[in-house]
Amino acid sequence: MKRLLVFVLAGFALSAAAQPFSKTYLMSFHVCDASCMGFQDHITQLAESNDGLNWTLVPNFPAYSASVPDIITRGNKAYIFSPGKVRRYDNGTGQWDATPQNVSIIDSVSAQASYVDPSAIIDSSGNIVLFFLNATGITGDPAGCSNYPCTKYFDSATEIPGSDGTQFVKNSGHRISVTLTQSPQTGSDPDIFFDGTKYVLYVSQGPSTLAASCSSLHGTYSVFPNLPAGVLVQNIGGIPCGHYDASSNQYWTFVHSNVGNSVEIRRAAHSDFNTQLTSFTTVISGPVIGEPASTKTESPGFCVNTLLTAIHEQAVSQLPPAFPNPGDEQVTVNFGRNISKGVLSLYDQHGKLLRQNPVSGNEAIILKNDLAAGLYFIQLQTGQYLLCGKLAFR
């Protein structure tokens, strides 16, 4: 039996007994059985994995009625967003919200924005940011057009501090717009992630997936120029989510695809966005989660599990001691190995993300700058590994 490593992350010590998550990655998705008539019958489920390929359901997860879910973790909480709702898990109490909570987005003049298909990311200030399809003023299916052609606008909104994922303010401008020219074209289900140097945004176009990028989170996203019309997946998978695995320098693109009479979640690993993806591997299906083959598994949402408190040692390790520790003006973080690409995150004692920077090599320097004297927690994500440690400034 492999030895377990127990550590403290972001300033709180937790028992493994209170923690249902034990693996490196989490995936939210919804299921729809053979009698399912539409989104009103969708049931949200949660799975976990150590390699992104082999998934199992999270034990004792309270599956509930919700569609197109996306998951994110921050500090000692997990958040599953669906249109207009969020359900939160508190690692301190070991409890989920009894029922999903309402989520509102207001614009610059405090008017309510209508939205669907939220995708979550944590910004450099520790706030949750939602990317979404703006449905304000739209009647009927927000993904399609009442009259073609029409344009779909995908926007972002930043969490109001203290609202714990329930209130957001729309950021100015649009992140990307997609023009639909003829029926049955659609545009929906954005997914946002960071690869250490740029933000990558996916947009679903029915059974296809569009890919774009931007150097800033709230900038204007441009499709990858080497992809035909920016289409990464053509007619074999939509409703996407993505992740960058720094240890292998590979992107993981998840889509759901029609397979026979059902729908499965599939993954492709690729090194760039220069060619369309044509080869996918099924990772979640009805039989994988113990359901009939006719059960549809749809709409994946992915995140790295930063709530880990006790897992296999090869997945989570301690960083070597920082030096000097405590430091006055700067501290050198030794990675204990040479890495080609990773992301180094700095958290305060309450789990708030303070800084997040791409790194490579075998060490990085953290400057005190505006940081107060005190204890901080660091996490190096290389994809295959989560390396954690702590440091202090005087």
Protein backbone atom coordinates (compact mmCIF):
# COMPACT_ATOMS: atom_id res chain seq x y z
CA MET A 1 0.00 0.00 0.00
CA LYS A 2 1.34 3.42 -0.92
CA ARG A 3 2.08 5.77 1.93
CA LEU A 4 -0.33 8.68 2.28
CA LEU A 5 0.90 12.21 2.59
CA VAL A 6 -1.25 14.55 4.68
CA PHE A 7 -0.61 18.25 4.40
CA VAL A 8 -2.17 21.59 5.23
CA LEU A 9 -3.26 23.73 2.29
CA ALA A 10 -4.11 27.41 2.47
CA GLY A 11 -4.01 27.64 6.23
CA PHE A 12 -6.52 25.06 7.37
CA ALA A 13 -5.97 21.53 8.65
CA LEU A 14 -8.66 19.03 7.71
CA SER A 15 -9.30 15.38 8.34
CA ALA A 16 -9.51 12.92 5.47
CA ALA A 17 -12.79 11.65 6.94
CA ALA A 18 -14.49 14.97 6.15
CA GLN A 19 -13.13 15.03 2.60
CA PRO A 20 -14.92 13.11 -0.16
CA PHE A 21 -12.38 14.07 -2.84
CA SER A 22 -9.24 11.97 -3.00
CA LYS A 23 -7.88 12.45 -6.53
CA THR A 24 -6.02 15.10 -8.50
CA TYR A 25 -8.76 16.20 -10.92
CA LEU A 26 -12.50 16.80 -10.67
CA MET A 27 -15.09 16.71 -13.44
CA SER A 28 -18.70 17.83 -13.21
CA PHE A 29 -21.14 16.65 -15.87
CA HIS A 30 -24.82 15.90 -16.29
CA VAL A 31 -26.51 12.63 -17.14
CA CYS A 32 -29.69 11.96 -19.03
CA ASP A 33 -31.28 8.50 -19.09
CA ALA A 34 -33.28 6.88 -21.88
CA SER A 35 -36.51 8.58 -20.72
CA CYS A 36 -34.92 12.05 -20.51
CA MET A 37 -36.91 14.71 -22.36
CA GLY A 38 -34.54 17.67 -22.02
CA PHE A 39 -32.55 19.90 -19.68
CA GLN A 40 -35.28 19.74 -17.04
CA ASP A 41 -34.43 16.04 -16.58
CA HIS A 42 -30.65 16.47 -16.40
CA ILE A 43 -28.90 15.27 -13.22
CA THR A 44 -25.52 16.73 -12.26
CA GLN A 45 -22.83 14.26 -11.22
CA LEU A 46 -19.21 14.61 -10.08
CA ALA A 47 -16.23 12.38 -10.93
CA GLU A 48 -12.54 12.34 -10.00
CA SER A 49 -9.32 11.09 -11.59
CA ASN A 50 -5.56 10.99 -11.07
CA ASP A 51 -4.66 10.94 -14.77
CA GLY A 52 -7.51 12.58 -16.68
CA LEU A 53 -8.36 9.30 -18.43
CA ASN A 54 -9.69 6.98 -15.72
CA TRP A 55 -12.63 8.47 -13.85
CA THR A 56 -14.81 7.28 -10.97
CA LEU A 57 -17.79 8.94 -9.31
CA VAL A 58 -17.00 10.93 -6.16
CA PRO A 59 -18.33 8.84 -3.24
CA ASN A 60 -21.45 10.17 -1.52
CA PHE A 61 -21.84 13.11 -3.90
CA PRO A 62 -25.46 14.36 -3.65
CA ALA A 63 -26.42 14.23 -7.34
CA TYR A 64 -29.06 16.86 -8.09
CA SER A 65 -31.20 18.35 -10.83
CA ALA A 66 -29.09 20.81 -12.86
CA SER A 67 -27.75 21.14 -16.38
CA VAL A 68 -24.39 22.07 -18.02
CA PRO A 69 -22.41 22.26 -14.73
CA ASP A 70 -18.88 23.64 -14.31
CA ILE A 71 -16.69 23.15 -11.23
CA ILE A 72 -13.96 25.27 -9.62
CA THR A 73 -12.17 25.09 -6.28
CA ARG A 74 -10.96 28.02 -4.20
CA GLY A 75 -9.54 28.02 -0.69
CA ASN A 76 -11.53 25.50 1.32
CA LYS A 77 -14.53 25.36 -1.02
CA ALA A 78 -15.68 23.77 -4.26
CA TYR A 79 -18.27 25.52 -6.44
CA ILE A 80 -20.45 23.87 -9.08
CA PHE A 81 -22.07 26.48 -11.32
CA SER A 82 -25.05 25.89 -13.59
CA PRO A 83 -27.32 28.47 -15.27
CA GLY A 84 -28.49 30.83 -12.50
CA LYS A 85 -27.26 28.60 -9.65
CA VAL A 86 -24.23 27.50 -7.64
CA ARG A 87 -23.86 24.61 -5.22
CA ARG A 88 -20.92 24.89 -2.81
CA TYR A 89 -18.95 22.35 -0.80
CA ASP A 90 -17.32 23.54 2.45
CA ASN A 91 -14.21 21.55 3.28
CA GLY A 92 -14.35 22.78 6.87
CA THR A 93 -17.77 21.29 7.58
CA GLY A 94 -17.70 18.48 5.02
CA GLN A 95 -21.12 19.62 3.77
CA TRP A 96 -22.65 20.71 0.48
CA ASP A 97 -25.25 23.47 0.31
CA ALA A 98 -28.61 21.87 1.08
CA THR A 99 -29.92 23.34 -2.18
CA PRO A 100 -28.26 25.29 -5.01
CA GLN A 101 -28.05 29.04 -4.39
CA ASN A 102 -29.13 31.76 -6.82
CA VAL A 103 -26.40 33.49 -8.85
CA SER A 104 -26.96 36.96 -10.31
CA ILE A 105 -24.97 39.07 -12.77
CA ILE A 106 -25.51 42.82 -12.99
CA ASP A 107 -24.14 45.21 -15.58
CA SER A 108 -22.44 48.59 -15.09
CA VAL A 109 -25.78 50.31 -14.35
CA SER A 110 -26.90 47.55 -11.96
CA ALA A 111 -29.39 46.03 -14.41
CA GLN A 112 -29.78 42.26 -14.24
CA ALA A 113 -28.05 40.42 -17.07
CA SER A 114 -29.58 37.24 -18.42
CA TYR A 115 -27.03 34.49 -19.01
CA VAL A 116 -26.58 30.76 -19.57
CA ASP A 117 -23.71 28.25 -19.64
CA PRO A 118 -21.36 29.71 -17.00
CA SER A 119 -17.71 28.62 -16.91
CA ALA A 120 -15.59 29.55 -13.88
CA ILE A 121 -11.96 30.56 -13.35
CA ILE A 122 -10.11 32.22 -10.45
CA ASP A 123 -8.47 35.58 -11.25
CA SER A 124 -5.22 36.99 -9.86
CA SER A 125 -7.10 38.68 -6.98
CA GLY A 126 -8.71 35.43 -5.85
CA ASN A 127 -12.15 36.31 -7.25
CA ILE A 128 -14.26 33.86 -9.23
CA VAL A 129 -14.83 35.00 -12.81
CA LEU A 130 -17.66 33.57 -14.90
CA PHE A 131 -17.56 33.37 -18.69
CA PHE A 132 -21.03 32.94 -20.17
CA LEU A 133 -23.31 33.26 -23.17
CA ASN A 134 -25.12 36.58 -22.82
CA ALA A 135 -28.85 35.90 -23.18
CA THR A 136 -30.12 39.38 -22.31
CA GLY A 137 -33.10 40.28 -24.51
CA ILE A 138 -33.13 36.92 -26.28
CA THR A 139 -36.33 34.91 -26.58
CA GLY A 140 -36.30 31.20 -27.33
CA ASP A 141 -33.11 29.14 -27.36
CA PRO A 142 -30.25 31.55 -26.50
CA ALA A 143 -27.78 29.39 -28.46
CA GLY A 144 -29.60 29.84 -31.78
CA CYS A 145 -31.22 32.62 -33.80
CA SER A 146 -34.83 33.66 -34.11
CA ASN A 147 -33.82 34.90 -37.55
CA TYR A 148 -30.53 34.08 -39.25
CA PRO A 149 -27.93 35.54 -39.41
CA CYS A 150 -27.34 36.66 -35.83
CA THR A 151 -24.41 37.16 -33.46
CA LYS A 152 -23.80 35.43 -30.14
CA TYR A 153 -21.88 37.38 -27.49
CA PHE A 154 -19.75 35.69 -24.86
CA ASP A 155 -18.93 37.87 -21.86
CA SER A 156 -17.29 37.70 -18.44
CA ALA A 157 -18.31 38.83 -14.96
CA THR A 158 -16.28 39.18 -11.76
CA GLU A 159 -17.47 38.09 -8.33
CA ILE A 160 -18.54 40.78 -5.86
CA PRO A 161 -16.23 40.29 -2.85
CA GLY A 162 -18.01 38.69 0.08
CA SER A 163 -20.80 37.16 -2.03
CA ASP A 164 -19.13 33.71 -2.04
CA GLY A 165 -19.89 32.99 -5.67
CA THR A 166 -23.46 34.30 -5.77
CA GLN A 167 -23.16 37.88 -7.11
CA PHE A 168 -21.17 39.11 -10.09
CA VAL A 169 -20.62 42.33 -12.04
CA LYS A 170 -20.31 42.10 -15.82
CA ASN A 171 -16.98 43.23 -17.21
CA SER A 172 -17.01 45.79 -20.00
CA GLY A 173 -16.98 44.67 -23.62
CA HIS A 174 -17.29 41.20 -25.07
CA ARG A 175 -14.72 38.44 -24.78
CA ILE A 176 -15.64 36.98 -28.16
CA SER A 177 -18.55 37.14 -30.60
CA VAL A 178 -19.64 34.39 -32.96
CA THR A 179 -21.80 35.02 -36.03
CA LEU A 180 -24.29 32.33 -37.02
CA THR A 181 -25.23 32.46 -40.69
CA GLN A 182 -27.82 29.72 -41.18
CA SER A 183 -29.93 27.16 -39.37
CA PRO A 184 -29.17 24.95 -37.47
CA GLN A 185 -25.93 26.72 -36.42
CA THR A 186 -25.58 27.47 -32.70
CA GLY A 187 -23.09 29.06 -30.33
CA SER A 188 -23.02 28.18 -26.63
CA ASP A 189 -21.21 26.67 -23.64
CA PRO A 190 -17.93 28.60 -23.31
CA ASP A 191 -15.05 27.15 -21.30
CA ILE A 192 -12.11 29.19 -20.01
CA PHE A 193 -8.70 27.98 -18.76
CA PHE A 194 -5.11 29.21 -18.37
CA ASP A 195 -2.03 27.49 -19.79
CA GLY A 196 0.64 29.43 -17.90
CA THR A 197 1.13 32.07 -20.60
CA LYS A 198 -2.31 32.78 -22.08
CA TYR A 199 -6.00 32.22 -21.52
CA VAL A 200 -7.74 29.74 -23.80
CA LEU A 201 -11.47 30.00 -24.52
CA TYR A 202 -13.58 27.26 -26.09
CA VAL A 203 -17.04 27.84 -27.56
CA SER A 204 -19.41 25.07 -28.57
CA GLN A 205 -20.94 25.17 -32.04
CA GLY A 206 -23.28 22.20 -31.86
CA PRO A 207 -21.15 19.10 -32.55
CA SER A 208 -18.06 21.27 -33.12
CA THR A 209 -15.73 23.31 -30.90
CA LEU A 210 -14.20 26.74 -31.57
CA ALA A 211 -10.88 27.67 -29.89
CA ALA A 212 -9.55 31.17 -29.16
CA SER A 213 -6.98 32.82 -26.90
CA CYS A 214 -5.99 36.09 -25.25
CA SER A 215 -3.06 37.26 -23.11
CA SER A 216 -5.41 38.94 -20.60
CA LEU A 217 -8.44 37.41 -18.90
CA HIS A 218 -10.88 40.21 -19.79
CA GLY A 219 -9.45 41.06 -23.21
CA THR A 220 -10.75 40.34 -26.69
CA TYR A 221 -10.18 36.72 -27.69
CA SER A 222 -9.03 35.76 -31.18
CA VAL A 223 -9.41 32.34 -32.76
CA PHE A 224 -6.23 30.36 -33.33
CA PRO A 225 -5.09 31.40 -36.82
CA ASN A 226 -3.94 27.96 -38.00
CA LEU A 227 -7.33 26.36 -37.37
CA PRO A 228 -9.89 26.65 -40.19
CA ALA A 229 -12.26 29.39 -39.01
CA GLY A 230 -10.92 28.70 -35.50
CA VAL A 231 -12.62 25.28 -35.36
CA LEU A 232 -10.62 22.84 -33.22
CA VAL A 233 -13.12 19.96 -33.36
CA GLN A 234 -15.24 19.52 -36.49
CA ASN A 235 -18.55 17.65 -36.15
CA ILE A 236 -17.29 15.04 -33.65
CA GLY A 237 -17.59 16.85 -30.31
CA GLY A 238 -19.01 19.95 -28.67
CA ILE A 239 -19.89 21.31 -25.20
CA PRO A 240 -16.15 21.36 -24.42
CA CYS A 241 -13.81 21.96 -21.51
CA GLY A 242 -10.03 22.18 -21.46
CA HIS A 243 -6.94 21.90 -19.28
CA TYR A 244 -3.21 22.40 -19.80
CA ASP A 245 -1.06 19.59 -18.36
CA ALA A 246 2.27 21.29 -17.71
CA SER A 247 4.14 18.05 -16.97
CA SER A 248 3.60 16.73 -20.49
CA ASN A 249 3.22 20.08 -22.29
CA GLN A 250 -0.12 18.81 -23.54
CA TYR A 251 -3.58 20.29 -23.69
CA TRP A 252 -6.46 18.07 -22.67
CA THR A 253 -9.63 18.82 -24.62
CA PHE A 254 -12.81 17.16 -23.39
CA VAL A 255 -16.01 17.13 -25.45
CA HIS A 256 -19.20 15.17 -25.48
CA SER A 257 -19.87 13.15 -28.60
CA ASN A 258 -22.72 11.13 -30.05
CA VAL A 259 -21.69 7.47 -29.96
CA GLY A 260 -24.30 5.06 -31.29
CA ASN A 261 -27.59 5.85 -29.55
CA SER A 262 -25.95 7.60 -26.62
CA VAL A 263 -23.57 10.43 -25.71
CA GLU A 264 -20.13 9.99 -24.13
CA ILE A 265 -17.48 12.34 -22.74
CA ARG A 266 -14.21 11.95 -24.65
CA ARG A 267 -10.70 13.37 -24.40
CA ALA A 268 -7.95 14.30 -26.85
CA ALA A 269 -4.40 15.25 -25.78
CA HIS A 270 -2.54 17.64 -28.09
CA SER A 271 0.51 19.90 -27.99
CA ASP A 272 -0.80 22.95 -29.85
CA PHE A 273 -3.69 24.52 -31.74
CA ASN A 274 -2.28 24.17 -35.25
CA THR A 275 -4.43 21.28 -36.48
CA GLN A 276 -7.93 20.00 -35.87
CA LEU A 277 -8.44 17.13 -33.44
CA THR A 278 -9.64 13.87 -34.94
CA SER A 279 -8.76 11.21 -32.34
CA PHE A 280 -10.59 11.01 -29.01
CA THR A 281 -10.74 8.47 -26.18
CA THR A 282 -13.93 7.86 -24.20
CA VAL A 283 -13.39 8.71 -20.52
CA ILE A 284 -16.95 8.84 -19.12
CA SER A 285 -20.01 6.95 -20.36
CA GLY A 286 -23.02 5.23 -18.87
CA PRO A 287 -21.16 1.95 -18.21
CA VAL A 288 -18.14 3.79 -16.77
CA ILE A 289 -20.36 5.21 -14.01
CA GLY A 290 -22.38 2.04 -13.53
CA GLU A 291 -25.36 3.02 -15.68
CA PRO A 292 -26.83 1.45 -18.85
CA ALA A 293 -25.14 2.13 -22.18
CA SER A 294 -28.19 4.20 -23.17
CA THR A 295 -27.44 6.76 -20.42
CA LYS A 296 -26.09 9.99 -21.89
CA THR A 297 -23.11 11.63 -20.14
CA GLU A 298 -22.79 15.23 -21.28
CA SER A 299 -21.32 18.70 -20.72
CA PRO A 300 -17.99 18.13 -18.91
CA GLY A 301 -16.54 20.75 -16.57
CA PHE A 302 -12.95 20.29 -15.34
CA CYS A 303 -10.72 21.60 -12.57
CA VAL A 304 -7.59 20.66 -10.63
CA ASN A 305 -8.53 19.53 -7.12
CA THR A 306 -6.87 22.00 -4.74
CA LEU A 307 -8.92 20.65 -1.82
CA LEU A 308 -6.68 17.59 -1.49
CA THR A 309 -5.83 16.70 2.08
CA ALA A 310 -4.78 13.07 1.79
CA ILE A 311 -3.86 11.38 -1.47
CA HIS A 312 -1.16 9.23 -3.01
CA GLU A 313 2.30 10.68 -2.54
CA GLN A 314 3.16 10.66 -6.22
CA ALA A 315 0.29 13.10 -6.87
CA VAL A 316 1.06 15.58 -4.07
CA SER A 317 4.50 16.28 -2.58
CA GLN A 318 6.05 18.88 -0.35
CA LEU A 319 8.26 21.52 -1.93
CA PRO A 320 11.76 21.78 -0.43
CA PRO A 321 12.09 24.52 2.24
CA ALA A 322 12.15 28.05 0.83
CA PHE A 323 15.21 30.23 1.54
CA PRO A 324 15.53 32.43 3.47
CA ASN A 325 12.45 31.58 5.46
CA PRO A 326 11.31 33.97 6.80
CA GLY A 327 12.56 36.49 4.25
CA ASP A 328 12.81 40.25 4.31
CA GLU A 329 12.51 41.38 0.68
CA GLN A 330 12.42 38.12 -1.27
CA VAL A 331 12.27 34.35 -0.88
CA THR A 332 13.65 31.74 -3.27
CA VAL A 333 11.38 28.74 -3.87
CA ASN A 334 13.31 25.61 -4.84
CA PHE A 335 11.20 23.17 -6.87
CA GLY A 336 13.39 20.16 -6.07
CA ARG A 337 13.34 19.22 -9.76
CA ASN A 338 13.72 20.83 -13.15
CA ILE A 339 10.39 21.60 -14.82
CA SER A 340 9.78 22.73 -18.37
CA LYS A 341 6.56 24.56 -17.58
CA GLY A 342 4.33 25.06 -14.56
CA VAL A 343 2.22 27.54 -12.63
CA LEU A 344 3.26 28.85 -9.19
CA SER A 345 0.42 30.14 -6.98
CA LEU A 346 0.72 32.10 -3.73
CA TYR A 347 -2.13 32.03 -1.17
CA ASP A 348 -2.69 33.83 2.10
CA GLN A 349 -3.69 32.01 5.29
CA HIS A 350 -7.39 32.25 4.36
CA GLY A 351 -6.93 30.53 1.00
CA LYS A 352 -7.16 33.71 -1.08
CA LEU A 353 -5.11 33.54 -4.27
CA LEU A 354 -2.68 36.47 -4.25
CA ARG A 355 -0.41 35.75 -7.20
CA GLN A 356 -0.21 33.23 -10.03
CA ASN A 357 2.69 33.13 -12.47
CA PRO A 358 4.09 30.78 -15.12
CA VAL A 359 7.44 29.24 -14.11
CA SER A 360 10.12 26.93 -15.49
CA GLY A 361 13.51 25.63 -14.40
CA ASN A 362 14.26 24.58 -10.83
CA GLU A 363 13.44 27.65 -8.75
CA ALA A 364 11.56 30.95 -8.62
CA ILE A 365 11.93 34.14 -6.61
CA ILE A 366 8.93 35.60 -4.78
CA LEU A 367 9.29 39.31 -3.99
CA LYS A 368 7.66 40.73 -0.89
CA ASN A 369 6.57 43.99 -2.56
CA ASP A 370 3.15 44.80 -1.04
CA LEU A 371 2.81 41.59 0.97
CA ALA A 372 2.35 42.01 4.71
CA ALA A 373 4.56 40.18 7.18
CA GLY A 374 3.17 36.73 7.89
CA LEU A 375 2.74 33.16 6.67
CA TYR A 376 1.88 32.24 3.07
CA PHE A 377 1.22 29.02 1.19
CA ILE A 378 2.59 28.13 -2.22
CA GLN A 379 1.48 25.59 -4.79
CA LEU A 380 3.37 24.52 -7.90
CA GLN A 381 1.14 22.86 -10.48
CA THR A 382 2.95 20.86 -13.14
CA GLY A 383 -0.03 18.82 -14.27
CA GLN A 384 0.96 15.39 -13.00
CA TYR A 385 2.05 16.77 -9.64
CA LEU A 386 0.83 19.28 -7.07
CA LEU A 387 3.81 20.50 -5.06
CA CYS A 388 2.92 22.46 -1.94
CA GLY A 389 4.82 24.38 0.70
CA LYS A 390 4.84 27.48 2.86
CA LEU A 391 6.96 30.56 3.42
CA ALA A 392 7.00 33.64 5.61
CA PHE A 393 7.96 37.30 5.31
CA ARG A 394 9.14 39.45 8.20
